[in-house]
Amino acid sequence: MARLQDRVVIVTGGAQGIGRAYCQGLASEGAKVVVADIDEQRAVKVARELQEQGAQSMAVAADVARADLAMDMANAAASRFGRIDGLVNNAAMF
């Protein structure tokens, strides 16, 4: 059995690069993955890829620099999956 079976994990900045790799790794361990990213189209693409591989996932457009949008992200995840078990805070600004 996967170690993270049925755990719900949000990955900010999850649509590309290291964030995408986190999403893939978490999904491969059985987690339900919330792909949160400022780029909604890329987040949707990653979430679909995970679903095609058998994982439960969702995409959320989120700008974690804004508290209201971060709260919306958390509420969407909890609404869909019933809870949040973890957060990978990968989003960054350059």
PDB file of N, CA and C in Angstrom:
ATOM      1  N   MET A   1       0.843  -1.172   0.000  1.00  0.00           N
ATOM      2  CA  MET A   1       0.000   0.000   0.000  1.00  0.00           C
ATOM      3  C   MET A   1       0.891   1.240   0.000  1.00  0.00           C
ATOM      4  N   ALA A   2       0.451   2.271  -0.708  1.00  0.00           N
ATOM      5  CA  ALA A   2       1.206   3.518  -0.771  1.00  0.00           C
ATOM      6  C   ALA A   2       1.191   4.215   0.588  1.00  0.00           C
ATOM      7  N   ARG A   3       2.265   4.873   0.908  1.00  0.00           N
ATOM      8  CA  ARG A   3       2.420   5.500   2.223  1.00  0.00           C
ATOM      9  C   ARG A   3       1.494   6.692   2.445  1.00  0.00           C
ATOM     10  N   LEU A   4       1.127   7.363   1.402  1.00  0.00           N
ATOM     11  CA  LEU A   4       0.294   8.560   1.545  1.00  0.00           C
ATOM     12  C   LEU A   4      -1.143   8.313   1.103  1.00  0.00           C
ATOM     13  N   GLN A   5      -1.540   7.071   1.070  1.00  0.00           N
ATOM     14  CA  GLN A   5      -2.872   6.706   0.606  1.00  0.00           C
ATOM     15  C   GLN A   5      -3.951   7.584   1.218  1.00  0.00           C
ATOM     16  N   ASP A   6      -4.698   8.251   0.371  1.00  0.00           N
ATOM     17  CA  ASP A   6      -5.844   9.075   0.741  1.00  0.00           C
ATOM     18  C   ASP A   6      -5.503  10.338   1.528  1.00  0.00           C
ATOM     19  N   ARG A   7      -4.237  10.677   1.659  1.00  0.00           N
ATOM     20  CA  ARG A   7      -3.879  11.955   2.271  1.00  0.00           C
ATOM     21  C   ARG A   7      -4.102  13.054   1.244  1.00  0.00           C
ATOM     22  N   VAL A   8      -4.559  14.194   1.679  1.00  0.00           N
ATOM     23  CA  VAL A   8      -4.823  15.328   0.790  1.00  0.00           C
ATOM     24  C   VAL A   8      -3.699  16.340   0.959  1.00  0.00           C
ATOM     25  N   VAL A   9      -3.001  16.613  -0.142  1.00  0.00           N
ATOM     26  CA  VAL A   9      -1.852  17.508  -0.084  1.00  0.00           C
ATOM     27  C   VAL A   9      -1.994  18.592  -1.153  1.00  0.00           C
ATOM     28  N   ILE A  10      -1.847  19.837  -0.727  1.00  0.00           N
ATOM     29  CA  ILE A  10      -1.818  20.974  -1.653  1.00  0.00           C
ATOM     30  C   ILE A  10      -0.358  21.245  -2.014  1.00  0.00           C
ATOM     31  N   VAL A  11      -0.105  21.455  -3.306  1.00  0.00           N
ATOM     32  CA  VAL A  11       1.223  21.844  -3.756  1.00  0.00           C
ATOM     33  C   VAL A  11       1.097  23.203  -4.438  1.00  0.00           C
ATOM     34  N   THR A  12       1.626  24.247  -3.799  1.00  0.00           N
ATOM     35  CA  THR A  12       1.609  25.557  -4.440  1.00  0.00           C
ATOM     36  C   THR A  12       2.745  25.608  -5.458  1.00  0.00           C
ATOM     37  N   GLY A  13       2.497  26.320  -6.558  1.00  0.00           N
ATOM     38  CA  GLY A  13       3.480  26.321  -7.639  1.00  0.00           C
ATOM     39  C   GLY A  13       3.595  24.949  -8.272  1.00  0.00           C
ATOM     40  N   GLY A  14       2.476  24.208  -8.267  1.00  0.00           N
ATOM     41  CA  GLY A  14       2.489  22.808  -8.696  1.00  0.00           C
ATOM     42  C   GLY A  14       2.381  22.565 -10.183  1.00  0.00           C
ATOM     43  N   ALA A  15       2.319  23.621 -10.985  1.00  0.00           N
ATOM     44  CA  ALA A  15       2.068  23.431 -12.411  1.00  0.00           C
ATOM     45  C   ALA A  15       3.315  23.199 -13.248  1.00  0.00           C
ATOM     46  N   GLN A  16       4.501  23.431 -12.674  1.00  0.00           N
ATOM     47  CA  GLN A  16       5.707  23.244 -13.482  1.00  0.00           C
ATOM     48  C   GLN A  16       6.925  23.040 -12.583  1.00  0.00           C
ATOM     49  N   GLY A  17       7.980  22.592 -13.176  1.00  0.00           N
ATOM     50  CA  GLY A  17       9.253  22.450 -12.483  1.00  0.00           C
ATOM     51  C   GLY A  17       9.191  21.538 -11.272  1.00  0.00           C
ATOM     52  N   ILE A  18       9.825  22.001 -10.185  1.00  0.00           N
ATOM     53  CA  ILE A  18       9.890  21.206  -8.966  1.00  0.00           C
ATOM     54  C   ILE A  18       8.500  20.955  -8.404  1.00  0.00           C
ATOM     55  N   GLY A  19       7.595  21.933  -8.493  1.00  0.00           N
ATOM     56  CA  GLY A  19       6.230  21.753  -7.997  1.00  0.00           C
ATOM     57  C   GLY A  19       5.514  20.627  -8.714  1.00  0.00           C
ATOM     58  N   ARG A  20       5.689  20.561 -10.026  1.00  0.00           N
ATOM     59  CA  ARG A  20       5.081  19.476 -10.814  1.00  0.00           C
ATOM     60  C   ARG A  20       5.654  18.127 -10.371  1.00  0.00           C
ATOM     61  N   ALA A  21       6.959  18.096 -10.129  1.00  0.00           N
ATOM     62  CA  ALA A  21       7.593  16.861  -9.661  1.00  0.00           C
ATOM     63  C   ALA A  21       7.054  16.450  -8.294  1.00  0.00           C
ATOM     64  N   TYR A  22       6.835  17.430  -7.397  1.00  0.00           N
ATOM     65  CA  TYR A  22       6.211  17.120  -6.105  1.00  0.00           C
ATOM     66  C   TYR A  22       4.836  16.486  -6.326  1.00  0.00           C
ATOM     67  N   CYS A  23       4.050  17.087  -7.205  1.00  0.00           N
ATOM     68  CA  CYS A  23       2.700  16.564  -7.481  1.00  0.00           C
ATOM     69  C   CYS A  23       2.769  15.120  -7.968  1.00  0.00           C
ATOM     70  N   GLN A  24       3.663  14.851  -8.905  1.00  0.00           N
ATOM     71  CA  GLN A  24       3.798  13.495  -9.443  1.00  0.00           C
ATOM     72  C   GLN A  24       4.237  12.512  -8.362  1.00  0.00           C
ATOM     73  N   GLY A  25       5.193  12.915  -7.554  1.00  0.00           N
ATOM     74  CA  GLY A  25       5.679  12.034  -6.493  1.00  0.00           C
ATOM     75  C   GLY A  25       4.620  11.739  -5.453  1.00  0.00           C
ATOM     76  N   LEU A  26       3.911  12.773  -5.037  1.00  0.00           N
ATOM     77  CA  LEU A  26       2.835  12.579  -4.051  1.00  0.00           C
ATOM     78  C   LEU A  26       1.748  11.671  -4.600  1.00  0.00           C
ATOM     79  N   ALA A  27       1.362  11.896  -5.853  1.00  0.00           N
ATOM     80  CA  ALA A  27       0.334  11.065  -6.473  1.00  0.00           C
ATOM     81  C   ALA A  27       0.788   9.606  -6.568  1.00  0.00           C
ATOM     82  N   SER A  28       2.062   9.404  -6.883  1.00  0.00           N
ATOM     83  CA  SER A  28       2.562   8.027  -7.004  1.00  0.00           C
ATOM     84  C   SER A  28       2.561   7.306  -5.658  1.00  0.00           C
ATOM     85  N   GLU A  29       2.555   8.069  -4.568  1.00  0.00           N
ATOM     86  CA  GLU A  29       2.493   7.495  -3.224  1.00  0.00           C
ATOM     87  C   GLU A  29       1.060   7.383  -2.704  1.00  0.00           C
ATOM     88  N   GLY A  30       0.085   7.731  -3.551  1.00  0.00           N
ATOM     89  CA  GLY A  30      -1.314   7.553  -3.183  1.00  0.00           C
ATOM     90  C   GLY A  30      -2.030   8.779  -2.665  1.00  0.00           C
ATOM     91  N   ALA A  31      -1.358   9.924  -2.634  1.00  0.00           N
ATOM     92  CA  ALA A  31      -1.999  11.139  -2.133  1.00  0.00           C
ATOM     93  C   ALA A  31      -3.016  11.688  -3.131  1.00  0.00           C
ATOM     94  N   LYS A  32      -4.001  12.367  -2.604  1.00  0.00           N
ATOM     95  CA  LYS A  32      -4.914  13.178  -3.409  1.00  0.00           C
ATOM     96  C   LYS A  32      -4.242  14.539  -3.514  1.00  0.00           C
ATOM     97  N   VAL A  33      -3.977  14.975  -4.735  1.00  0.00           N
ATOM     98  CA  VAL A  33      -3.133  16.139  -4.945  1.00  0.00           C
ATOM     99  C   VAL A  33      -3.939  17.334  -5.441  1.00  0.00           C
ATOM    100  N   VAL A  34      -3.731  18.471  -4.779  1.00  0.00           N
ATOM    101  CA  VAL A  34      -4.314  19.737  -5.221  1.00  0.00           C
ATOM    102  C   VAL A  34      -3.180  20.521  -5.873  1.00  0.00           C
ATOM    103  N   VAL A  35      -3.275  20.668  -7.195  1.00  0.00           N
ATOM    104  CA  VAL A  35      -2.274  21.387  -7.972  1.00  0.00           C
ATOM    105  C   VAL A  35      -2.676  22.861  -7.959  1.00  0.00           C
ATOM    106  N   ALA A  36      -2.002  23.644  -7.144  1.00  0.00           N
ATOM    107  CA  ALA A  36      -2.328  25.062  -7.006  1.00  0.00           C
ATOM    108  C   ALA A  36      -1.256  25.886  -7.703  1.00  0.00           C
ATOM    109  N   ASP A  37      -1.690  26.789  -8.562  1.00  0.00           N
ATOM    110  CA  ASP A  37      -0.726  27.593  -9.295  1.00  0.00           C
ATOM    111  C   ASP A  37      -1.398  28.863  -9.796  1.00  0.00           C
ATOM    112  N   ILE A  38      -0.608  29.895  -9.965  1.00  0.00           N
ATOM    113  CA  ILE A  38      -1.111  31.150 -10.506  1.00  0.00           C
ATOM    114  C   ILE A  38      -1.512  30.972 -11.980  1.00  0.00           C
ATOM    115  N   ASP A  39      -0.889  29.994 -12.658  1.00  0.00           N
ATOM    116  CA  ASP A  39      -1.192  29.687 -14.054  1.00  0.00           C
ATOM    117  C   ASP A  39      -2.226  28.555 -14.097  1.00  0.00           C
ATOM    118  N   GLU A  40      -3.476  28.936 -14.155  1.00  0.00           N
ATOM    119  CA  GLU A  40      -4.567  27.958 -14.067  1.00  0.00           C
ATOM    120  C   GLU A  40      -4.515  26.918 -15.178  1.00  0.00           C
ATOM    121  N   GLN A  41      -4.196  27.327 -16.402  1.00  0.00           N
ATOM    122  CA  GLN A  41      -4.176  26.371 -17.513  1.00  0.00           C
ATOM    123  C   GLN A  41      -3.130  25.277 -17.293  1.00  0.00           C
ATOM    124  N   ARG A  42      -1.967  25.665 -16.822  1.00  0.00           N
ATOM    125  CA  ARG A  42      -0.928  24.657 -16.548  1.00  0.00           C
ATOM    126  C   ARG A  42      -1.322  23.768 -15.371  1.00  0.00           C
ATOM    127  N   ALA A  43      -1.964  24.341 -14.373  1.00  0.00           N
ATOM    128  CA  ALA A  43      -2.417  23.549 -13.225  1.00  0.00           C
ATOM    129  C   ALA A  43      -3.435  22.506 -13.675  1.00  0.00           C
ATOM    130  N   VAL A  44      -4.355  22.912 -14.529  1.00  0.00           N
ATOM    131  CA  VAL A  44      -5.360  21.978 -15.061  1.00  0.00           C
ATOM    132  C   VAL A  44      -4.673  20.851 -15.833  1.00  0.00           C
ATOM    133  N   LYS A  45      -3.676  21.198 -16.623  1.00  0.00           N
ATOM    134  CA  LYS A  45      -2.961  20.181 -17.407  1.00  0.00           C
ATOM    135  C   LYS A  45      -2.292  19.150 -16.496  1.00  0.00           C
ATOM    136  N   VAL A  46      -1.615  19.618 -15.451  1.00  0.00           N
ATOM    137  CA  VAL A  46      -0.949  18.692 -14.525  1.00  0.00           C
ATOM    138  C   VAL A  46      -1.984  17.823 -13.805  1.00  0.00           C
ATOM    139  N   ALA A  47      -3.075  18.433 -13.343  1.00  0.00           N
ATOM    140  CA  ALA A  47      -4.111  17.661 -12.653  1.00  0.00           C
ATOM    141  C   ALA A  47      -4.685  16.580 -13.571  1.00  0.00           C
ATOM    142  N   ARG A  48      -4.895  16.909 -14.828  1.00  0.00           N
ATOM    143  CA  ARG A  48      -5.402  15.906 -15.788  1.00  0.00           C
ATOM    144  C   ARG A  48      -4.400  14.783 -16.005  1.00  0.00           C
ATOM    145  N   GLU A  49      -3.126  15.137 -16.105  1.00  0.00           N
ATOM    146  CA  GLU A  49      -2.092  14.107 -16.267  1.00  0.00           C
ATOM    147  C   GLU A  49      -2.110  13.144 -15.080  1.00  0.00           C
ATOM    148  N   LEU A  50      -2.235  13.682 -13.887  1.00  0.00           N
ATOM    149  CA  LEU A  50      -2.285  12.838 -12.695  1.00  0.00           C
ATOM    150  C   LEU A  50      -3.514  11.938 -12.716  1.00  0.00           C
ATOM    151  N   GLN A  51      -4.648  12.487 -13.118  1.00  0.00           N
ATOM    152  CA  GLN A  51      -5.880  11.695 -13.196  1.00  0.00           C
ATOM    153  C   GLN A  51      -5.751  10.581 -14.223  1.00  0.00           C
ATOM    154  N   GLU A  52      -5.101  10.868 -15.347  1.00  0.00           N
ATOM    155  CA  GLU A  52      -4.890   9.845 -16.371  1.00  0.00           C
ATOM    156  C   GLU A  52      -4.021   8.705 -15.851  1.00  0.00           C
ATOM    157  N   GLN A  53      -3.197   8.993 -14.844  1.00  0.00           N
ATOM    158  CA  GLN A  53      -2.341   7.976 -14.232  1.00  0.00           C
ATOM    159  C   GLN A  53      -3.042   7.292 -13.055  1.00  0.00           C
ATOM    160  N   GLY A  54      -4.314   7.646 -12.827  1.00  0.00           N
ATOM    161  CA  GLY A  54      -5.094   6.987 -11.791  1.00  0.00           C
ATOM    162  C   GLY A  54      -5.169   7.722 -10.462  1.00  0.00           C
ATOM    163  N   ALA A  55      -4.564   8.885 -10.368  1.00  0.00           N
ATOM    164  CA  ALA A  55      -4.571   9.643  -9.110  1.00  0.00           C
ATOM    165  C   ALA A  55      -5.815  10.522  -9.016  1.00  0.00           C
ATOM    166  N   GLN A  56      -6.200  10.824  -7.795  1.00  0.00           N
ATOM    167  CA  GLN A  56      -7.238  11.812  -7.567  1.00  0.00           C
ATOM    168  C   GLN A  56      -6.547  13.160  -7.428  1.00  0.00           C
ATOM    169  N   SER A  57      -6.989  14.119  -8.224  1.00  0.00           N
ATOM    170  CA  SER A  57      -6.355  15.424  -8.183  1.00  0.00           C
ATOM    171  C   SER A  57      -7.342  16.487  -8.632  1.00  0.00           C
ATOM    172  N   MET A  58      -6.965  17.723  -8.344  1.00  0.00           N
ATOM    173  CA  MET A  58      -7.737  18.868  -8.810  1.00  0.00           C
ATOM    174  C   MET A  58      -6.780  20.027  -9.017  1.00  0.00           C
ATOM    175  N   ALA A  59      -7.186  20.953  -9.878  1.00  0.00           N
ATOM    176  CA  ALA A  59      -6.416  22.164 -10.113  1.00  0.00           C
ATOM    177  C   ALA A  59      -7.120  23.330  -9.448  1.00  0.00           C
ATOM    178  N   VAL A  60      -6.320  24.234  -8.901  1.00  0.00           N
ATOM    179  CA  VAL A  60      -6.851  25.441  -8.284  1.00  0.00           C
ATOM    180  C   VAL A  60      -5.972  26.611  -8.725  1.00  0.00           C
ATOM    181  N   ALA A  61      -6.600  27.647  -9.268  1.00  0.00           N
ATOM    182  CA  ALA A  61      -5.866  28.874  -9.567  1.00  0.00           C
ATOM    183  C   ALA A  61      -5.654  29.601  -8.250  1.00  0.00           C
ATOM    184  N   ALA A  62      -4.398  29.887  -7.922  1.00  0.00           N
ATOM    185  CA  ALA A  62      -4.123  30.519  -6.634  1.00  0.00           C
ATOM    186  C   ALA A  62      -2.883  31.389  -6.716  1.00  0.00           C
ATOM    187  N   ASP A  63      -3.003  32.565  -6.166  1.00  0.00           N
ATOM    188  CA  ASP A  63      -1.870  33.463  -5.976  1.00  0.00           C
ATOM    189  C   ASP A  63      -1.671  33.549  -4.472  1.00  0.00           C
ATOM    190  N   VAL A  64      -0.709  32.793  -3.967  1.00  0.00           N
ATOM    191  CA  VAL A  64      -0.539  32.697  -2.518  1.00  0.00           C
ATOM    192  C   VAL A  64       0.022  33.970  -1.894  1.00  0.00           C
ATOM    193  N   ALA A  65       0.359  34.944  -2.720  1.00  0.00           N
ATOM    194  CA  ALA A  65       0.775  36.244  -2.189  1.00  0.00           C
ATOM    195  C   ALA A  65      -0.436  37.042  -1.702  1.00  0.00           C
ATOM    196  N   ARG A  66      -1.618  36.576  -2.042  1.00  0.00           N
ATOM    197  CA  ARG A  66      -2.857  37.226  -1.610  1.00  0.00           C
ATOM    198  C   ARG A  66      -3.586  36.308  -0.632  1.00  0.00           C
ATOM    199  N   ALA A  67      -3.789  36.779   0.581  1.00  0.00           N
ATOM    200  CA  ALA A  67      -4.415  35.966   1.625  1.00  0.00           C
ATOM    201  C   ALA A  67      -5.797  35.484   1.232  1.00  0.00           C
ATOM    202  N   ASP A  68      -6.593  36.320   0.567  1.00  0.00           N
ATOM    203  CA  ASP A  68      -7.939  35.907   0.181  1.00  0.00           C
ATOM    204  C   ASP A  68      -7.913  34.763  -0.821  1.00  0.00           C
ATOM    205  N   LEU A  69      -6.971  34.802  -1.753  1.00  0.00           N
ATOM    206  CA  LEU A  69      -6.883  33.723  -2.742  1.00  0.00           C
ATOM    207  C   LEU A  69      -6.293  32.453  -2.137  1.00  0.00           C
ATOM    208  N   ALA A  70      -5.393  32.604  -1.175  1.00  0.00           N
ATOM    209  CA  ALA A  70      -4.869  31.436  -0.470  1.00  0.00           C
ATOM    210  C   ALA A  70      -5.986  30.755   0.323  1.00  0.00           C
ATOM    211  N   MET A  71      -6.858  31.547   0.935  1.00  0.00           N
ATOM    212  CA  MET A  71      -7.993  30.988   1.663  1.00  0.00           C
ATOM    213  C   MET A  71      -8.953  30.287   0.706  1.00  0.00           C
ATOM    214  N   ASP A  72      -9.194  30.890  -0.461  1.00  0.00           N
ATOM    215  CA  ASP A  72     -10.044  30.250  -1.471  1.00  0.00           C
ATOM    216  C   ASP A  72      -9.463  28.907  -1.896  1.00  0.00           C
ATOM    217  N   MET A  73      -8.131  28.842  -2.045  1.00  0.00           N
ATOM    218  CA  MET A  73      -7.450  27.601  -2.410  1.00  0.00           C
ATOM    219  C   MET A  73      -7.711  26.523  -1.354  1.00  0.00           C
ATOM    220  N   ALA A  74      -7.526  26.881  -0.095  1.00  0.00           N
ATOM    221  CA  ALA A  74      -7.736  25.927   0.995  1.00  0.00           C
ATOM    222  C   ALA A  74      -9.190  25.487   1.068  1.00  0.00           C
ATOM    223  N   ASN A  75     -10.107  26.420   0.911  1.00  0.00           N
ATOM    224  CA  ASN A  75     -11.535  26.085   0.952  1.00  0.00           C
ATOM    225  C   ASN A  75     -11.924  25.156  -0.192  1.00  0.00           C
ATOM    226  N   ALA A  76     -11.372  25.388  -1.385  1.00  0.00           N
ATOM    227  CA  ALA A  76     -11.677  24.521  -2.528  1.00  0.00           C
ATOM    228  C   ALA A  76     -11.177  23.100  -2.282  1.00  0.00           C
ATOM    229  N   ALA A  77      -9.975  22.983  -1.740  1.00  0.00           N
ATOM    230  CA  ALA A  77      -9.415  21.656  -1.452  1.00  0.00           C
ATOM    231  C   ALA A  77     -10.244  20.930  -0.403  1.00  0.00           C
ATOM    232  N   ALA A  78     -10.591  21.622   0.667  1.00  0.00           N
ATOM    233  CA  ALA A  78     -11.381  21.003   1.740  1.00  0.00           C
ATOM    234  C   ALA A  78     -12.778  20.653   1.261  1.00  0.00           C
ATOM    235  N   SER A  79     -13.336  21.483   0.416  1.00  0.00           N
ATOM    236  CA  SER A  79     -14.671  21.205  -0.118  1.00  0.00           C
ATOM    237  C   SER A  79     -14.664  19.955  -0.991  1.00  0.00           C
ATOM    238  N   ARG A  80     -13.639  19.806  -1.810  1.00  0.00           N
ATOM    239  CA  ARG A  80     -13.564  18.669  -2.733  1.00  0.00           C
ATOM    240  C   ARG A  80     -13.203  17.367  -2.016  1.00  0.00           C
ATOM    241  N   PHE A  81     -12.217  17.428  -1.128  1.00  0.00           N
ATOM    242  CA  PHE A  81     -11.693  16.206  -0.530  1.00  0.00           C
ATOM    243  C   PHE A  81     -12.035  16.018   0.947  1.00  0.00           C
ATOM    244  N   GLY A  82     -12.669  17.009   1.567  1.00  0.00           N
ATOM    245  CA  GLY A  82     -13.116  16.863   2.947  1.00  0.00           C
ATOM    246  C   GLY A  82     -12.125  17.288   4.011  1.00  0.00           C
ATOM    247  N   ARG A  83     -10.879  17.493   3.616  1.00  0.00           N
ATOM    248  CA  ARG A  83      -9.859  17.893   4.582  1.00  0.00           C
ATOM    249  C   ARG A  83      -8.583  18.234   3.829  1.00  0.00           C
ATOM    250  N   ILE A  84      -7.606  18.733   4.578  1.00  0.00           N
ATOM    251  CA  ILE A  84      -6.264  18.979   4.054  1.00  0.00           C
ATOM    252  C   ILE A  84      -5.290  18.364   5.050  1.00  0.00           C
ATOM    253  N   ASP A  85      -4.414  17.496   4.558  1.00  0.00           N
ATOM    254  CA  ASP A  85      -3.441  16.833   5.433  1.00  0.00           C
ATOM    255  C   ASP A  85      -2.046  17.432   5.335  1.00  0.00           C
ATOM    256  N   GLY A  86      -1.755  18.103   4.228  1.00  0.00           N
ATOM    257  CA  GLY A  86      -0.408  18.631   4.071  1.00  0.00           C
ATOM    258  C   GLY A  86      -0.347  19.732   3.038  1.00  0.00           C
ATOM    259  N   LEU A  87       0.736  20.496   3.117  1.00  0.00           N
ATOM    260  CA  LEU A  87       0.992  21.599   2.180  1.00  0.00           C
ATOM    261  C   LEU A  87       2.459  21.581   1.808  1.00  0.00           C
ATOM    262  N   VAL A  88       2.715  21.603   0.497  1.00  0.00           N
ATOM    263  CA  VAL A  88       4.068  21.807  -0.005  1.00  0.00           C
ATOM    264  C   VAL A  88       4.063  23.240  -0.537  1.00  0.00           C
ATOM    265  N   ASN A  89       4.709  24.123   0.206  1.00  0.00           N
ATOM    266  CA  ASN A  89       4.714  25.545  -0.139  1.00  0.00           C
ATOM    267  C   ASN A  89       5.875  25.814  -1.082  1.00  0.00           C
ATOM    268  N   ASN A  90       5.634  25.548  -2.365  1.00  0.00           N
ATOM    269  CA  ASN A  90       6.665  25.612  -3.387  1.00  0.00           C
ATOM    270  C   ASN A  90       6.602  26.901  -4.213  1.00  0.00           C
ATOM    271  N   ALA A  91       5.515  27.631  -4.148  1.00  0.00           N
ATOM    272  CA  ALA A  91       5.363  28.836  -4.965  1.00  0.00           C
ATOM    273  C   ALA A  91       6.421  29.864  -4.602  1.00  0.00           C
ATOM    274  N   ALA A  92       6.917  30.552  -5.625  1.00  0.00           N
ATOM    275  CA  ALA A  92       7.940  31.561  -5.394  1.00  0.00           C
ATOM    276  C   ALA A  92       7.789  32.700  -6.385  1.00  0.00           C
ATOM    277  N   MET A  93       8.343  33.816  -6.044  1.00  0.00           N
ATOM    278  CA  MET A  93       8.361  34.971  -6.945  1.00  0.00           C
ATOM    279  C   MET A  93       9.811  35.336  -7.210  1.00  0.00           C
ATOM    280  N   PHE A  94      10.105  35.663  -8.444  1.00  0.00           N
ATOM    281  CA  PHE A  94      11.468  36.066  -8.813  1.00  0.00           C
ATOM    282  C   PHE A  94      11.427  37.449  -9.412  1.00  0.00           C
TER     283      PHE A  94
END
